[in-house]
Each structure stands twice: as structure tokens, then as C-alpha cells.
Amino acid sequence: QRSREAMADQRSAVWTARVRDAKQVLNELRAGTSAASPQRTDQERARFFAMQRRKLQRFEDLIDDLEDLTADGDPTTAEREDRDAAVEAMRAEAKRLADGIKAAAAAAAAAEAAAAGEG
């Protein structure tokens, strides 16, 4: 009985750690989104969007991990529902961020093309 409880606590701790990691990456993504500056050089912009895409991939990987862990740690029904809702909210946020990154990259490319056409 005791070892079963200890294992459940350990698995619950894994869930908590993954949630913390996902929130950290999400905050980095959100902070980076506001840092998209039109004054950047083409190379800086390309590096910026590549970094954002890597962070987004990391966030999506963490969401997948969390989805696999929703039942770990012997959660109550309410906790399981909360975990499922948290995963769905993160998935929606990942999609919103992915769409935003794509739109910003496309806008930057269009501005670059327009500037090249003027030059």
C-alpha cells in the first residue's frame, strides 16, 4: 500500500513538473511574439522565427507528454477532468501561437519582398 502511494505521488510530481515546463515555454513564446521587430535584418528575423518554431515544437511535445500523464498519480475524477481541460487549453494556445508565428513570418516576408521591390 505504501509503495503504491509513493509511486502515485511520484507520477503526480511528473505531471506537475511537465506543467511547470510547459508554462515556462509558453511564457517564452508569448514574450518572443511581442519582440517581433520590423527593424531586424533578414538574418535576425529568420533566426527569430526558427527559434519561435523550435519553442513551439517543444511546447507541443510537452502537451503530448501531459496528455499521456493525465491519469498518472491516481487522480480523482475531478483532477482528471481538470488535467484534460488543461491539456485542451494548452492545445488551443499552441494552435493560436502557431497561427500567429505563421502570420508574422508571412508579413515579414511580404515586407521584405516589398522593400526589395523598392530597392
Protein backbone atom coordinates (compact mmCIF):
# COMPACT_ATOMS: atom_id res chain seq x y z
CA GLN A 1 0.00 0.00 0.00
CA ARG A 2 2.72 2.45 0.98
CA SER A 3 4.81 1.87 -2.14
CA ARG A 4 1.70 2.27 -4.31
CA GLU A 5 1.04 5.66 -2.73
CA ALA A 6 4.69 6.65 -3.18
CA MET A 7 4.54 5.69 -6.86
CA ALA A 8 1.32 7.66 -7.31
CA ASP A 9 2.94 10.68 -5.66
CA GLN A 10 5.97 10.36 -7.93
CA ARG A 11 3.80 10.18 -11.06
CA SER A 12 1.79 13.15 -9.86
CA ALA A 13 5.07 15.03 -9.38
CA VAL A 14 5.98 14.25 -13.01
CA TRP A 15 2.67 15.82 -14.11
CA THR A 16 3.40 18.91 -12.01
CA ALA A 17 6.93 19.23 -13.39
CA ARG A 18 5.70 18.92 -17.01
CA VAL A 19 3.02 21.57 -16.38
CA ARG A 20 5.70 23.88 -14.98
CA ASP A 21 7.93 23.25 -18.02
CA ALA A 22 5.04 23.86 -20.43
CA LYS A 23 4.15 27.15 -18.71
CA GLN A 24 7.76 28.29 -18.89
CA VAL A 25 8.00 27.57 -22.63
CA LEU A 26 4.60 29.21 -23.17
CA ASN A 27 5.78 32.35 -21.38
CA GLU A 28 8.93 32.40 -23.54
CA LEU A 29 6.79 32.06 -26.66
CA ARG A 30 4.47 34.86 -25.58
CA ALA A 31 7.40 37.13 -24.73
CA GLY A 32 9.04 36.39 -28.07
CA THR A 33 5.88 37.17 -30.01
CA SER A 34 5.88 40.76 -28.79
CA ALA A 35 9.58 41.04 -29.66
CA ALA A 36 8.99 40.59 -33.40
CA SER A 37 10.51 43.78 -34.70
CA PRO A 38 10.36 45.01 -38.30
CA GLN A 39 13.74 46.68 -37.78
CA ARG A 40 15.52 43.32 -37.68
CA THR A 41 17.76 42.24 -40.50
CA ASP A 42 16.64 39.36 -42.69
CA GLN A 43 19.06 37.03 -40.93
CA GLU A 44 17.89 38.11 -37.47
CA ARG A 45 14.27 37.66 -38.50
CA ALA A 46 14.96 34.18 -39.88
CA ARG A 47 16.78 33.21 -36.68
CA PHE A 48 13.96 34.65 -34.56
CA PHE A 49 11.23 32.70 -36.38
CA ALA A 50 13.31 29.50 -36.33
CA MET A 51 13.72 29.88 -32.56
CA GLN A 52 9.99 30.53 -32.11
CA ARG A 53 9.16 27.42 -34.14
CA ARG A 54 11.55 25.32 -32.02
CA LYS A 55 9.96 26.64 -28.82
CA LEU A 56 6.51 25.92 -30.23
CA GLN A 57 7.60 22.35 -31.07
CA ARG A 58 8.90 21.96 -27.50
CA PHE A 59 5.58 23.27 -26.15
CA GLU A 60 3.64 20.81 -28.32
CA ASP A 61 5.90 17.95 -27.17
CA LEU A 62 5.23 18.87 -23.54
CA ILE A 63 1.48 18.93 -24.25
CA ASP A 64 1.77 15.42 -25.71
CA ASP A 65 3.60 14.30 -22.55
CA LEU A 66 0.90 15.87 -20.39
CA GLU A 67 -1.82 14.14 -22.37
CA ASP A 68 -0.08 10.82 -21.69
CA LEU A 69 0.14 11.69 -17.98
CA THR A 70 -3.46 12.77 -17.34
CA ALA A 71 -4.26 9.54 -15.49
CA ASP A 72 -0.91 9.24 -13.69
CA GLY A 73 -0.66 9.69 -9.96
CA ASP A 74 -4.10 8.19 -9.30
CA PRO A 75 -6.02 11.48 -9.72
CA THR A 76 -9.61 11.85 -8.62
CA THR A 77 -12.25 12.21 -11.31
CA ALA A 78 -12.28 15.99 -10.78
CA GLU A 79 -8.48 16.16 -11.03
CA ARG A 80 -8.57 14.08 -14.20
CA GLU A 81 -11.16 16.43 -15.71
CA ASP A 82 -9.02 19.43 -14.71
CA ARG A 83 -5.97 17.83 -16.33
CA ASP A 84 -7.89 17.08 -19.53
CA ALA A 85 -9.15 20.67 -19.61
CA ALA A 86 -5.61 22.00 -19.05
CA VAL A 87 -4.29 19.91 -21.95
CA GLU A 88 -7.09 21.14 -24.25
CA ALA A 89 -6.44 24.77 -23.25
CA MET A 90 -2.74 24.34 -23.98
CA ARG A 91 -3.51 22.75 -27.35
CA ALA A 92 -5.72 25.73 -28.24
CA GLU A 93 -2.96 28.13 -27.16
CA ALA A 94 -0.37 26.21 -29.21
CA LYS A 95 -2.60 26.49 -32.29
CA ARG A 96 -3.13 30.21 -31.70
CA LEU A 97 0.62 30.74 -31.32
CA ALA A 98 1.39 28.64 -34.40
CA ASP A 99 -1.06 30.70 -36.44
CA GLY A 100 0.48 33.90 -35.07
CA ILE A 101 4.02 32.80 -35.88
CA LYS A 102 2.99 31.84 -39.43
CA ALA A 103 1.19 35.15 -39.95
CA ALA A 104 4.11 37.17 -38.57
CA ALA A 105 6.60 35.27 -40.72
CA ALA A 106 4.43 35.80 -43.81
CA ALA A 107 4.08 39.52 -43.03
CA ALA A 108 7.82 39.84 -42.56
CA ALA A 109 8.45 38.05 -45.85
CA ALA A 110 5.95 40.30 -47.64
CA ALA A 111 7.55 43.42 -46.16
CA GLU A 112 10.96 42.12 -47.19
CA ALA A 113 9.73 41.47 -50.74
CA ALA A 114 8.16 44.92 -50.93
CA ALA A 115 11.36 46.54 -49.71
CA ALA A 116 13.38 44.55 -52.25
CA GLY A 117 11.00 45.71 -54.98
CA GLU A 118 11.52 49.34 -53.97
CA GLY A 119 15.29 48.99 -53.85
